[in-house]
Amino acid sequence: MDKSYILVVDDNHINRLFFQSALQKMHHQVMLAVNGYEAVECCQQNTFDVILMDIRMQGLNGIEAAHEIKQIPHCKATPIVAISADVFDHNQHPQFADGLMKPVKPEVMQQLIKKWTHQQPWFDEQLALSISHQDSHIVSKLRTLMKNDLPAQTLKIKQLFEEAQYNDLQDCLHQLLGSARICAACRLVNAIEQFRSRLENEHDEAHLESEMMNLIQVIRETELHAE
């Protein structure tokens, strides 16, 4: 099963423990944030499939944190779920995709996560098997090889971009795209193709850097989901 990467934001350690335990039993990958400020920092450094956001927190509350997170380019499409012990109409706040009332039932939470992660998988298992002649051992071996290469590829992409060596960067991306296609790493394939297209057509350096950072995040998350 394709794991979802979920950020849980709650300033109550008991609530965090509940969400972490329940989500891990559902085979999801979980990151915890103890307040709104930490949630924003986590989102700047990672790409999540879903964010579960407590509304009432000291300092930067859930509404404010969700608004700031939506300003991060690679988080604009990330569904944020408002969690509250009180009645809260998430429809009044465009930064939220959905809402959950405490106490949260695990089965209800699982249904909601399935609803918002019904999207392109990180790896297309059927396509990977087809490419590898229905041999799951080959699928696993190819995926491990690609996973092990990703950190070095990330550094090379950053270096070539910073040095404005765009022709060499296109060659590097072409090689990575080939590996991603062989491993049926769907989201990585799309992210590479999008960045290559921007390199050819975009002349705004700030926009290019934003696209490059988005690709780096997708590479990191592909590495995580390849485990």
Protein backbone atom coordinates (compact mmCIF):
# COMPACT_ATOMS: atom_id res chain seq x y z
CA MET A 1 0.00 0.00 0.00
CA ASP A 2 1.26 3.49 -0.82
CA LYS A 3 2.00 5.30 2.44
CA SER A 4 0.78 8.84 3.00
CA TYR A 5 3.04 11.38 4.67
CA ILE A 6 1.00 13.25 7.27
CA LEU A 7 1.85 16.23 9.45
CA VAL A 8 0.05 16.35 12.81
CA VAL A 9 -0.01 19.76 14.50
CA ASP A 10 -1.19 19.87 18.12
CA ASP A 11 0.18 21.51 21.27
CA ASN A 12 -1.18 18.74 23.51
CA HIS A 13 1.25 15.80 23.80
CA ILE A 14 -1.58 13.33 24.56
CA ASN A 15 -3.38 14.32 21.35
CA ARG A 16 -0.15 14.02 19.37
CA LEU A 17 0.45 10.54 20.77
CA PHE A 18 -3.10 9.48 19.85
CA PHE A 19 -2.78 10.70 16.26
CA GLN A 20 0.70 9.25 15.83
CA SER A 21 -0.33 5.83 17.13
CA ALA A 22 -3.56 5.69 15.11
CA LEU A 23 -1.94 6.85 11.88
CA GLN A 24 1.04 4.51 12.18
CA LYS A 25 -1.35 1.59 12.66
CA MET A 26 -2.87 2.64 9.35
CA HIS A 27 0.68 2.40 7.86
CA HIS A 28 1.08 6.12 7.33
CA GLN A 29 4.31 8.07 7.81
CA VAL A 30 3.86 10.73 10.49
CA MET A 31 5.66 13.94 11.44
CA LEU A 32 4.68 15.86 14.58
CA ALA A 33 4.67 19.61 15.22
CA VAL A 34 4.05 21.02 18.70
CA ASN A 35 2.79 24.44 17.61
CA GLY A 36 1.94 26.58 14.60
CA TYR A 37 5.43 28.00 14.20
CA GLU A 38 6.96 24.52 14.06
CA ALA A 39 4.26 23.44 11.59
CA VAL A 40 5.23 26.23 9.18
CA GLU A 41 8.90 25.28 9.51
CA CYS A 42 8.10 21.60 8.84
CA CYS A 43 6.16 22.56 5.71
CA GLN A 44 9.00 24.72 4.42
CA GLN A 45 11.27 21.68 4.55
CA ASN A 46 8.89 18.85 3.57
CA THR A 47 5.98 17.99 1.31
CA PHE A 48 3.02 16.33 3.03
CA ASP A 49 0.02 14.50 1.61
CA VAL A 50 -2.28 15.78 4.37
CA ILE A 51 -1.90 18.16 7.32
CA LEU A 52 -4.02 17.63 10.46
CA MET A 53 -4.16 21.03 12.18
CA ASP A 54 -5.47 21.72 15.69
CA ILE A 55 -7.27 25.06 15.75
CA ARG A 56 -6.71 26.23 19.34
CA MET A 57 -2.98 26.59 20.06
CA GLN A 58 -0.91 29.12 21.95
CA GLY A 59 1.08 31.62 19.89
CA LEU A 60 0.39 31.00 16.22
CA ASN A 61 -3.01 29.30 16.20
CA GLY A 62 -4.19 26.74 13.66
CA ILE A 63 -6.04 29.23 11.47
CA GLU A 64 -3.00 31.51 11.25
CA ALA A 65 -0.56 28.63 10.73
CA ALA A 66 -2.69 27.15 7.93
CA HIS A 67 -2.80 30.55 6.22
CA GLU A 68 1.01 30.85 6.35
CA ILE A 69 1.48 27.29 5.10
CA LYS A 70 -0.67 28.03 2.07
CA GLN A 71 1.78 30.78 1.11
CA ILE A 72 4.53 28.18 0.64
CA PRO A 73 4.63 27.34 -3.10
CA HIS A 74 4.80 23.54 -2.80
CA CYS A 75 2.03 23.52 -0.12
CA LYS A 76 -0.63 25.42 -2.05
CA ALA A 77 -2.41 22.19 -3.04
CA THR A 78 -1.81 20.32 0.23
CA PRO A 79 -5.12 19.60 2.01
CA ILE A 80 -5.19 20.97 5.56
CA VAL A 81 -7.79 19.47 7.89
CA ALA A 82 -9.02 21.60 10.79
CA ILE A 83 -9.33 19.71 14.08
CA SER A 84 -11.34 21.21 16.93
CA ALA A 85 -13.19 20.20 20.08
CA ASP A 86 -15.67 23.01 19.38
CA VAL A 87 -17.96 23.58 16.45
CA PHE A 88 -15.82 25.02 13.65
CA ASP A 89 -17.01 25.77 10.13
CA HIS A 90 -13.95 25.13 7.98
CA ASN A 91 -15.87 26.40 4.94
CA GLN A 92 -15.45 29.92 6.31
CA HIS A 93 -11.68 29.59 6.01
CA PRO A 94 -10.36 28.83 2.48
CA GLN A 95 -7.04 27.49 3.81
CA PHE A 96 -8.85 24.40 5.13
CA ALA A 97 -10.03 21.54 2.93
CA ASP A 98 -12.00 19.69 5.61
CA GLY A 99 -12.64 19.38 9.33
CA LEU A 100 -12.74 16.83 12.15
CA MET A 101 -14.38 17.12 15.57
CA LYS A 102 -12.67 15.86 18.72
CA PRO A 103 -12.76 13.21 19.96
CA VAL A 104 -11.61 11.89 16.59
CA LYS A 105 -12.57 8.34 15.68
CA PRO A 106 -9.74 6.50 13.89
CA GLU A 107 -12.07 5.03 11.26
CA VAL A 108 -13.47 8.48 10.43
CA MET A 109 -9.95 9.89 10.21
CA GLN A 110 -8.91 7.08 7.87
CA GLN A 111 -11.86 7.73 5.56
CA LEU A 112 -10.99 11.42 5.43
CA ILE A 113 -7.33 10.70 4.64
CA LYS A 114 -8.35 8.33 1.84
CA LYS A 115 -10.61 11.06 0.48
CA TRP A 116 -7.81 13.62 0.29
CA THR A 117 -5.00 11.31 -0.81
CA HIS A 118 -6.94 9.84 -3.72
CA GLN A 119 -4.35 11.12 -6.13
CA GLN A 120 -1.49 9.91 -8.23
CA PRO A 121 0.61 7.42 -6.22
CA TRP A 122 4.30 7.93 -5.58
CA PHE A 123 4.92 4.62 -7.38
CA ASP A 124 2.64 2.88 -9.87
CA GLU A 125 3.09 -0.72 -8.74
CA GLN A 126 1.32 -2.28 -11.73
CA LEU A 127 3.34 -0.26 -14.21
CA ALA A 128 6.56 -1.09 -12.33
CA LEU A 129 5.77 -4.80 -12.57
CA SER A 130 4.96 -4.48 -16.26
CA ILE A 131 8.28 -2.74 -16.92
CA SER A 132 10.13 -5.41 -14.89
CA HIS A 133 8.44 -8.40 -16.61
CA GLN A 134 6.24 -9.13 -13.56
CA ASP A 135 9.29 -9.73 -11.38
CA SER A 136 8.80 -8.03 -7.98
CA HIS A 137 12.44 -8.69 -7.08
CA ILE A 138 13.58 -6.57 -10.03
CA VAL A 139 11.10 -3.85 -9.05
CA SER A 140 12.52 -3.75 -5.53
CA LYS A 141 16.14 -3.79 -6.75
CA LEU A 142 15.61 -0.98 -9.27
CA ARG A 143 13.77 1.13 -6.70
CA THR A 144 16.56 0.66 -4.15
CA LEU A 145 19.20 1.63 -6.71
CA MET A 146 17.28 4.78 -7.61
CA LYS A 147 16.67 5.62 -3.94
CA ASN A 148 20.38 5.32 -3.15
CA ASP A 149 21.25 7.65 -6.05
CA LEU A 150 18.78 10.38 -5.13
CA PRO A 151 20.87 12.25 -2.48
CA ALA A 152 23.78 12.68 -4.93
CA GLN A 153 21.36 13.68 -7.70
CA THR A 154 19.83 16.30 -5.40
CA LEU A 155 23.21 17.88 -4.68
CA LYS A 156 24.11 17.88 -8.38
CA ILE A 157 20.83 19.55 -9.37
CA LYS A 158 21.33 22.28 -6.76
CA GLN A 159 24.92 22.89 -7.79
CA LEU A 160 24.20 23.09 -11.51
CA PHE A 161 21.25 25.41 -10.91
CA GLU A 162 23.25 27.73 -8.63
CA GLU A 163 26.02 27.88 -11.26
CA ALA A 164 23.43 28.54 -14.01
CA GLN A 165 24.76 25.59 -16.01
CA TYR A 166 21.35 24.95 -17.52
CA ASN A 167 22.46 22.70 -20.39
CA ASP A 168 24.26 20.36 -17.98
CA LEU A 169 21.26 20.59 -15.65
CA GLN A 170 18.95 19.47 -18.47
CA ASP A 171 21.26 16.48 -19.09
CA CYS A 172 21.20 15.62 -15.38
CA LEU A 173 17.40 15.86 -15.29
CA HIS A 174 17.15 13.70 -18.42
CA GLN A 175 19.11 10.93 -16.70
CA LEU A 176 17.03 11.19 -13.54
CA LEU A 177 13.84 11.14 -15.60
CA GLY A 178 14.93 7.86 -17.18
CA SER A 179 15.46 6.27 -13.78
CA ALA A 180 12.14 7.61 -12.50
CA ARG A 181 10.28 6.19 -15.50
CA ILE A 182 11.88 2.76 -15.17
CA CYS A 183 10.87 2.70 -11.49
CA ALA A 184 7.37 4.07 -12.28
CA ALA A 185 7.91 6.93 -9.81
CA CYS A 186 4.88 8.87 -11.04
CA ARG A 187 5.10 12.09 -9.07
CA LEU A 188 8.83 12.38 -9.62
CA VAL A 189 8.36 11.94 -13.37
CA ASN A 190 5.79 14.74 -13.40
CA ALA A 191 7.94 17.05 -11.26
CA ILE A 192 11.00 16.55 -13.49
CA GLU A 193 9.04 17.13 -16.68
CA GLN A 194 7.50 20.29 -15.23
CA PHE A 195 10.87 21.67 -14.14
CA ARG A 196 12.50 20.87 -17.49
CA SER A 197 9.70 22.70 -19.26
CA ARG A 198 10.14 25.73 -16.99
CA LEU A 199 13.88 25.75 -17.64
CA GLU A 200 13.19 26.02 -21.36
CA ASN A 201 10.43 28.64 -21.15
CA GLU A 202 10.76 30.58 -17.90
CA HIS A 203 13.16 33.52 -17.60
CA ASP A 204 12.28 34.69 -14.09
CA GLU A 205 15.05 33.40 -11.81
CA ALA A 206 12.89 33.56 -8.69
CA HIS A 207 10.20 31.42 -10.33
CA LEU A 208 12.81 28.94 -11.54
CA GLU A 209 14.29 28.67 -8.05
CA SER A 210 10.82 28.00 -6.62
CA GLU A 211 10.27 25.23 -9.18
CA MET A 212 13.70 23.78 -8.44
CA MET A 213 12.95 23.68 -4.70
CA ASN A 214 9.62 21.99 -5.42
CA LEU A 215 11.45 19.32 -7.42
CA ILE A 216 13.92 18.82 -4.56
CA GLN A 217 11.02 18.29 -2.17
CA VAL A 218 9.47 15.71 -4.51
CA ILE A 219 12.82 13.91 -4.76
CA ARG A 220 13.06 13.78 -0.96
CA GLU A 221 9.52 12.48 -0.61
CA THR A 222 10.10 9.90 -3.36
CA GLU A 223 13.12 8.70 -1.40
CA LEU A 224 10.94 8.39 1.71
CA HIS A 225 8.16 6.49 -0.08
CA ALA A 226 10.67 4.16 -1.73
CA GLU A 227 11.50 2.59 1.65
